[in-house]
């Protein structure tokens, strides 16, 4: 069972986003998370923010086959230092689970995870 579900925020082209401070979900050490991407990652951007407690690691689990054809590459670990913020774009064929979600976990300290879907309407 997943501890935290990260809400996906869709961005609209030529439109100011909502307040980014209130977006995202805090995932503490030892918790798991999921992002309901409906099987699509080509227009997905993930923001990872370590919450000023020290270094942390975010792990994105390898996907299931099907639908992921590159699940054999394995999981991806992203290291964050204290108060660090990073943006990530994931490879589509590697991380999608059979239910269309991306799953993972956080180790060591709390990380705020925010997921965005970019607009293709231009």
N, C-alpha and C. Protein backbone atom coordinates (compact mmCIF):
# COMPACT_ATOMS: atom_id res chain seq x y z
N UNK A 1 0.84 -1.18 0.00
CA UNK A 1 0.00 0.00 0.00
C UNK A 1 0.88 1.25 0.00
N UNK A 2 0.49 2.25 -0.76
CA UNK A 2 1.24 3.49 -0.90
C UNK A 2 0.90 4.43 0.26
N UNK A 3 1.93 5.10 0.80
CA UNK A 3 1.72 6.04 1.90
C UNK A 3 1.23 7.41 1.44
N UNK A 4 1.77 7.91 0.32
CA UNK A 4 1.45 9.27 -0.16
C UNK A 4 1.19 9.24 -1.66
N UNK A 5 0.08 9.84 -2.09
CA UNK A 5 -0.20 10.01 -3.51
C UNK A 5 0.13 11.45 -3.90
N UNK A 6 0.98 11.61 -4.89
CA UNK A 6 1.39 12.93 -5.37
C UNK A 6 0.42 13.34 -6.47
N UNK A 7 -0.21 14.49 -6.31
CA UNK A 7 -1.17 14.98 -7.30
C UNK A 7 -0.43 15.55 -8.50
N UNK A 8 -0.90 15.21 -9.67
CA UNK A 8 -0.34 15.71 -10.92
C UNK A 8 -1.01 17.03 -11.28
N UNK A 9 -0.20 18.06 -11.52
CA UNK A 9 -0.72 19.38 -11.88
C UNK A 9 -0.46 19.62 -13.36
N UNK A 10 -1.51 19.91 -14.12
CA UNK A 10 -1.37 20.17 -15.55
C UNK A 10 -1.15 21.66 -15.77
N UNK A 11 -0.10 21.98 -16.51
CA UNK A 11 0.21 23.36 -16.85
C UNK A 11 -0.47 23.72 -18.16
N UNK A 12 -0.92 24.95 -18.26
CA UNK A 12 -1.59 25.44 -19.47
C UNK A 12 -0.67 26.44 -20.15
N UNK A 13 -0.47 26.26 -21.44
CA UNK A 13 0.43 27.12 -22.18
C UNK A 13 -0.04 28.58 -22.14
N UNK A 14 0.92 29.49 -22.02
CA UNK A 14 0.68 30.94 -21.98
C UNK A 14 -0.21 31.37 -20.82
N UNK A 15 -0.22 30.59 -19.76
CA UNK A 15 -1.02 30.91 -18.59
C UNK A 15 -0.15 30.77 -17.34
N UNK A 16 -0.24 31.75 -16.48
CA UNK A 16 0.52 31.69 -15.23
C UNK A 16 0.03 30.51 -14.41
N UNK A 17 0.96 29.79 -13.80
CA UNK A 17 0.58 28.63 -12.98
C UNK A 17 -0.06 29.10 -11.68
N UNK A 18 -0.64 28.15 -10.98
CA UNK A 18 -1.11 28.42 -9.63
C UNK A 18 0.08 28.60 -8.71
N UNK A 19 -0.16 28.92 -7.47
CA UNK A 19 0.89 29.12 -6.49
C UNK A 19 1.64 27.82 -6.27
N UNK A 20 2.91 27.79 -6.59
CA UNK A 20 3.70 26.57 -6.48
C UNK A 20 4.01 26.18 -5.03
N UNK A 21 3.95 27.15 -4.13
CA UNK A 21 4.24 26.87 -2.73
C UNK A 21 3.27 25.85 -2.15
N UNK A 22 2.03 25.90 -2.55
CA UNK A 22 1.02 25.00 -2.00
C UNK A 22 0.92 23.65 -2.70
N UNK A 23 1.66 23.47 -3.78
CA UNK A 23 1.57 22.22 -4.52
C UNK A 23 2.52 21.17 -3.97
N UNK A 24 2.34 19.94 -4.40
CA UNK A 24 3.24 18.86 -4.03
C UNK A 24 2.81 18.15 -2.77
N UNK A 25 3.57 17.11 -2.46
CA UNK A 25 3.29 16.29 -1.27
C UNK A 25 4.61 16.01 -0.57
N UNK A 26 4.59 16.11 0.75
CA UNK A 26 5.77 15.78 1.54
C UNK A 26 5.79 14.29 1.82
N UNK A 27 6.92 13.68 1.49
CA UNK A 27 7.11 12.25 1.70
C UNK A 27 8.27 12.11 2.67
N UNK A 28 8.01 11.50 3.82
CA UNK A 28 9.04 11.37 4.84
C UNK A 28 9.84 10.09 4.66
N UNK A 29 10.96 10.01 5.33
CA UNK A 29 11.85 8.85 5.24
C UNK A 29 11.08 7.57 5.53
N UNK A 30 11.24 6.59 4.67
CA UNK A 30 10.58 5.31 4.85
C UNK A 30 9.21 5.21 4.21
N UNK A 31 8.68 6.32 3.72
CA UNK A 31 7.36 6.28 3.08
C UNK A 31 7.50 5.99 1.59
N UNK A 32 6.42 5.44 1.04
CA UNK A 32 6.33 5.21 -0.40
C UNK A 32 5.38 6.24 -1.01
N UNK A 33 5.50 6.45 -2.31
CA UNK A 33 4.64 7.41 -3.00
C UNK A 33 4.25 6.85 -4.36
N UNK A 34 3.20 7.43 -4.93
CA UNK A 34 2.86 7.15 -6.32
C UNK A 34 2.41 8.44 -6.99
N UNK A 35 2.54 8.44 -8.32
CA UNK A 35 2.07 9.55 -9.15
C UNK A 35 1.23 8.93 -10.25
N UNK A 36 -0.05 9.29 -10.31
CA UNK A 36 -0.97 8.74 -11.30
C UNK A 36 -0.77 9.46 -12.63
N UNK A 37 0.12 8.93 -13.46
CA UNK A 37 0.44 9.56 -14.74
C UNK A 37 -0.33 8.95 -15.91
N UNK A 38 -1.21 8.00 -15.63
CA UNK A 38 -2.03 7.35 -16.65
C UNK A 38 -1.19 6.75 -17.77
N UNK A 39 -0.03 6.22 -17.42
CA UNK A 39 0.82 5.54 -18.39
C UNK A 39 1.64 6.43 -19.28
N UNK A 40 1.65 7.76 -19.03
CA UNK A 40 2.38 8.70 -19.89
C UNK A 40 3.43 9.46 -19.09
N UNK A 41 4.67 9.48 -19.60
CA UNK A 41 5.70 10.28 -18.94
C UNK A 41 6.38 11.26 -19.89
N UNK A 42 6.03 11.27 -21.17
CA UNK A 42 6.73 12.12 -22.12
C UNK A 42 6.52 13.61 -21.87
N UNK A 43 5.49 13.99 -21.17
CA UNK A 43 5.25 15.40 -20.87
C UNK A 43 5.22 15.65 -19.36
N UNK A 44 5.96 14.83 -18.62
CA UNK A 44 5.97 14.89 -17.16
C UNK A 44 7.26 15.53 -16.65
N UNK A 45 7.13 16.45 -15.70
CA UNK A 45 8.27 17.05 -15.02
C UNK A 45 8.04 16.87 -13.52
N UNK A 46 9.07 16.41 -12.82
CA UNK A 46 8.97 16.18 -11.38
C UNK A 46 9.97 17.08 -10.66
N UNK A 47 9.48 17.83 -9.68
CA UNK A 47 10.32 18.69 -8.85
C UNK A 47 10.51 18.00 -7.50
N UNK A 48 11.77 17.83 -7.10
CA UNK A 48 12.12 17.23 -5.82
C UNK A 48 12.77 18.29 -4.95
N UNK A 49 12.26 18.48 -3.73
CA UNK A 49 12.80 19.48 -2.81
C UNK A 49 13.07 18.86 -1.46
N UNK A 50 14.35 18.78 -1.07
CA UNK A 50 14.69 18.30 0.27
C UNK A 50 14.28 19.40 1.25
N UNK A 51 13.62 19.02 2.33
CA UNK A 51 12.97 19.98 3.23
C UNK A 51 13.88 20.45 4.37
N UNK A 52 15.15 20.70 4.08
CA UNK A 52 16.12 21.31 4.99
C UNK A 52 16.41 20.48 6.23
N UNK A 53 16.36 19.14 6.10
CA UNK A 53 16.68 18.29 7.24
C UNK A 53 18.00 17.56 7.07
N UNK A 54 18.58 17.57 5.90
CA UNK A 54 19.81 16.84 5.60
C UNK A 54 19.66 16.11 4.28
N UNK A 55 20.66 15.35 3.92
CA UNK A 55 20.65 14.62 2.66
C UNK A 55 19.50 13.62 2.61
N UNK A 56 18.99 13.37 1.42
CA UNK A 56 17.91 12.40 1.22
C UNK A 56 18.10 11.72 -0.13
N UNK A 57 17.46 10.57 -0.27
CA UNK A 57 17.47 9.85 -1.54
C UNK A 57 16.04 9.52 -1.93
N UNK A 58 15.70 9.84 -3.18
CA UNK A 58 14.39 9.48 -3.73
C UNK A 58 14.62 8.36 -4.74
N UNK A 59 13.89 7.27 -4.57
CA UNK A 59 14.00 6.13 -5.48
C UNK A 59 12.73 6.01 -6.31
N UNK A 60 12.90 5.93 -7.62
CA UNK A 60 11.80 5.66 -8.54
C UNK A 60 11.92 4.19 -8.92
N UNK A 61 10.87 3.42 -8.65
CA UNK A 61 10.89 1.98 -8.89
C UNK A 61 10.87 1.65 -10.38
N UNK A 62 11.51 0.54 -10.73
CA UNK A 62 11.42 0.04 -12.10
C UNK A 62 9.97 -0.33 -12.37
N UNK A 63 9.54 -0.17 -13.60
CA UNK A 63 8.17 -0.47 -13.97
C UNK A 63 7.89 -1.95 -14.13
N UNK A 64 6.67 -2.24 -14.52
CA UNK A 64 6.23 -3.62 -14.80
C UNK A 64 6.21 -3.82 -16.31
N UNK A 65 6.47 -5.06 -16.74
CA UNK A 65 6.36 -5.40 -18.15
C UNK A 65 5.22 -6.38 -18.33
N UNK A 66 4.15 -6.05 -19.05
CA UNK A 66 3.87 -4.75 -19.64
C UNK A 66 3.37 -3.76 -18.58
N UNK A 67 3.39 -2.48 -18.83
CA UNK A 67 3.64 -1.76 -20.06
C UNK A 67 5.09 -1.32 -20.27
N UNK A 68 5.92 -1.34 -19.22
CA UNK A 68 7.30 -0.85 -19.36
C UNK A 68 8.17 -1.88 -20.05
N UNK A 69 8.75 -1.49 -21.16
CA UNK A 69 9.61 -2.39 -21.93
C UNK A 69 11.07 -2.29 -21.52
N UNK A 70 11.42 -1.29 -20.70
CA UNK A 70 12.81 -1.11 -20.27
C UNK A 70 12.94 -1.25 -18.75
N UNK A 71 12.02 -1.99 -18.14
CA UNK A 71 12.04 -2.16 -16.69
C UNK A 71 13.29 -2.87 -16.20
N UNK A 72 13.93 -3.64 -17.08
CA UNK A 72 15.12 -4.38 -16.72
C UNK A 72 16.32 -3.52 -16.35
N UNK A 73 16.27 -2.25 -16.72
CA UNK A 73 17.35 -1.33 -16.36
C UNK A 73 17.35 -1.11 -14.84
N UNK A 74 16.18 -1.24 -14.22
CA UNK A 74 16.08 -1.14 -12.76
C UNK A 74 15.58 0.20 -12.27
N UNK A 75 15.64 0.35 -10.96
CA UNK A 75 15.18 1.57 -10.28
C UNK A 75 16.18 2.70 -10.51
N UNK A 76 15.74 3.91 -10.17
CA UNK A 76 16.59 5.10 -10.29
C UNK A 76 16.64 5.79 -8.93
N UNK A 77 17.84 6.02 -8.40
CA UNK A 77 18.02 6.75 -7.15
C UNK A 77 18.51 8.16 -7.45
N UNK A 78 17.83 9.15 -6.86
CA UNK A 78 18.23 10.55 -7.00
C UNK A 78 18.66 11.05 -5.63
N UNK A 79 19.92 11.45 -5.51
CA UNK A 79 20.45 11.96 -4.23
C UNK A 79 20.23 13.47 -4.15
N UNK A 80 19.79 13.92 -2.99
CA UNK A 80 19.58 15.34 -2.73
C UNK A 80 20.38 15.72 -1.48
N UNK A 81 21.08 16.83 -1.54
CA UNK A 81 21.75 17.33 -0.35
C UNK A 81 20.77 18.19 0.45
N UNK A 82 21.16 18.66 1.62
CA UNK A 82 20.28 19.45 2.46
C UNK A 82 19.81 20.71 1.73
N UNK A 83 18.51 20.98 1.78
CA UNK A 83 17.87 22.16 1.16
C UNK A 83 18.05 22.19 -0.36
N UNK A 84 18.25 21.04 -0.97
CA UNK A 84 18.47 20.92 -2.41
C UNK A 84 17.13 20.85 -3.14
N UNK A 85 17.09 21.32 -4.37
CA UNK A 85 15.91 21.20 -5.22
C UNK A 85 16.39 20.82 -6.62
N UNK A 86 15.74 19.81 -7.19
CA UNK A 86 16.11 19.31 -8.51
C UNK A 86 14.86 19.04 -9.34
N UNK A 87 15.00 19.19 -10.66
CA UNK A 87 13.92 18.85 -11.59
C UNK A 87 14.34 17.61 -12.36
N UNK A 88 13.36 16.75 -12.61
CA UNK A 88 13.63 15.46 -13.23
C UNK A 88 12.60 15.16 -14.31
N UNK A 89 13.06 14.59 -15.40
CA UNK A 89 12.16 14.08 -16.44
C UNK A 89 12.48 12.60 -16.60
N UNK A 90 11.47 11.75 -16.49
CA UNK A 90 11.67 10.31 -16.49
C UNK A 90 11.45 9.69 -17.87
N UNK A 91 12.22 8.66 -18.14
CA UNK A 91 12.08 7.88 -19.36
C UNK A 91 10.79 7.07 -19.32
N UNK A 92 10.00 7.14 -20.35
CA UNK A 92 8.68 6.51 -20.36
C UNK A 92 8.67 5.01 -20.25
N UNK A 93 9.55 4.33 -20.95
CA UNK A 93 9.50 2.88 -21.00
C UNK A 93 10.15 2.18 -19.83
N UNK A 94 10.50 2.91 -18.80
CA UNK A 94 11.25 2.32 -17.68
C UNK A 94 10.51 2.27 -16.36
N UNK A 95 9.60 3.20 -16.09
CA UNK A 95 9.07 3.38 -14.74
C UNK A 95 7.57 3.15 -14.57
N UNK A 96 6.81 2.98 -15.64
CA UNK A 96 5.36 2.85 -15.54
C UNK A 96 4.99 1.48 -14.96
N UNK A 97 4.13 1.49 -13.95
CA UNK A 97 3.61 0.25 -13.36
C UNK A 97 2.39 -0.21 -14.16
N UNK A 98 1.96 -1.42 -13.94
CA UNK A 98 0.82 -1.98 -14.69
C UNK A 98 -0.48 -1.21 -14.44
N UNK A 99 -0.56 -0.44 -13.34
CA UNK A 99 -1.75 0.36 -13.08
C UNK A 99 -1.63 1.78 -13.65
N UNK A 100 -0.56 2.06 -14.42
CA UNK A 100 -0.38 3.37 -15.04
C UNK A 100 0.27 4.40 -14.16
N UNK A 101 0.78 4.01 -13.00
CA UNK A 101 1.39 4.95 -12.06
C UNK A 101 2.90 4.80 -12.03
N UNK A 102 3.55 5.81 -11.51
CA UNK A 102 4.96 5.75 -11.16
C UNK A 102 5.01 5.61 -9.65
N UNK A 103 5.85 4.72 -9.14
CA UNK A 103 5.96 4.52 -7.70
C UNK A 103 7.39 4.70 -7.24
N UNK A 104 7.54 4.94 -5.94
CA UNK A 104 8.88 5.10 -5.40
C UNK A 104 8.87 5.22 -3.90
N UNK A 105 10.01 5.63 -3.36
CA UNK A 105 10.14 5.79 -1.91
C UNK A 105 11.18 6.86 -1.61
N UNK A 106 11.19 7.30 -0.36
CA UNK A 106 12.15 8.30 0.10
C UNK A 106 12.93 7.70 1.26
N UNK A 107 14.24 7.93 1.26
CA UNK A 107 15.09 7.46 2.35
C UNK A 107 15.75 8.64 3.04
N UNK A 108 15.97 8.54 4.30
CA UNK A 108 16.73 9.42 5.18
C UNK A 108 15.95 10.62 5.70
N UNK A 109 15.46 11.51 4.85
CA UNK A 109 14.79 12.73 5.30
C UNK A 109 13.57 13.04 4.43
N UNK A 110 12.83 14.09 4.78
CA UNK A 110 11.60 14.46 4.08
C UNK A 110 11.91 15.18 2.76
N UNK A 111 11.19 14.78 1.72
CA UNK A 111 11.30 15.40 0.41
C UNK A 111 9.90 15.78 -0.07
N UNK A 112 9.76 17.01 -0.55
CA UNK A 112 8.50 17.43 -1.17
C UNK A 112 8.59 17.09 -2.65
N UNK A 113 7.58 16.37 -3.14
CA UNK A 113 7.55 15.95 -4.54
C UNK A 113 6.36 16.63 -5.22
N UNK A 114 6.66 17.33 -6.31
CA UNK A 114 5.62 18.01 -7.09
C UNK A 114 5.73 17.51 -8.53
N UNK A 115 4.62 17.12 -9.12
CA UNK A 115 4.61 16.59 -10.48
C UNK A 115 3.77 17.48 -11.38
N UNK A 116 4.31 17.79 -12.56
CA UNK A 116 3.65 18.64 -13.53
C UNK A 116 3.52 17.92 -14.86
N UNK A 117 2.41 18.13 -15.53
CA UNK A 117 2.23 17.68 -16.91
C UNK A 117 2.22 18.93 -17.76
N UNK A 118 3.12 18.99 -18.77
CA UNK A 118 3.19 20.15 -19.63
C UNK A 118 2.12 20.07 -20.72
N UNK A 119 1.77 21.22 -21.25
CA UNK A 119 0.74 21.29 -22.28
C UNK A 119 1.33 20.98 -23.65
N UNK A 120 0.57 20.27 -24.46
CA UNK A 120 0.96 19.98 -25.85
C UNK A 120 0.08 20.75 -26.82
N UNK A 121 -0.67 21.71 -26.31
CA UNK A 121 -1.65 22.44 -27.13
C UNK A 121 -1.06 23.74 -27.66
N UNK A 122 -0.11 23.64 -28.53
CA UNK A 122 0.46 24.82 -29.18
C UNK A 122 0.88 24.55 -30.58
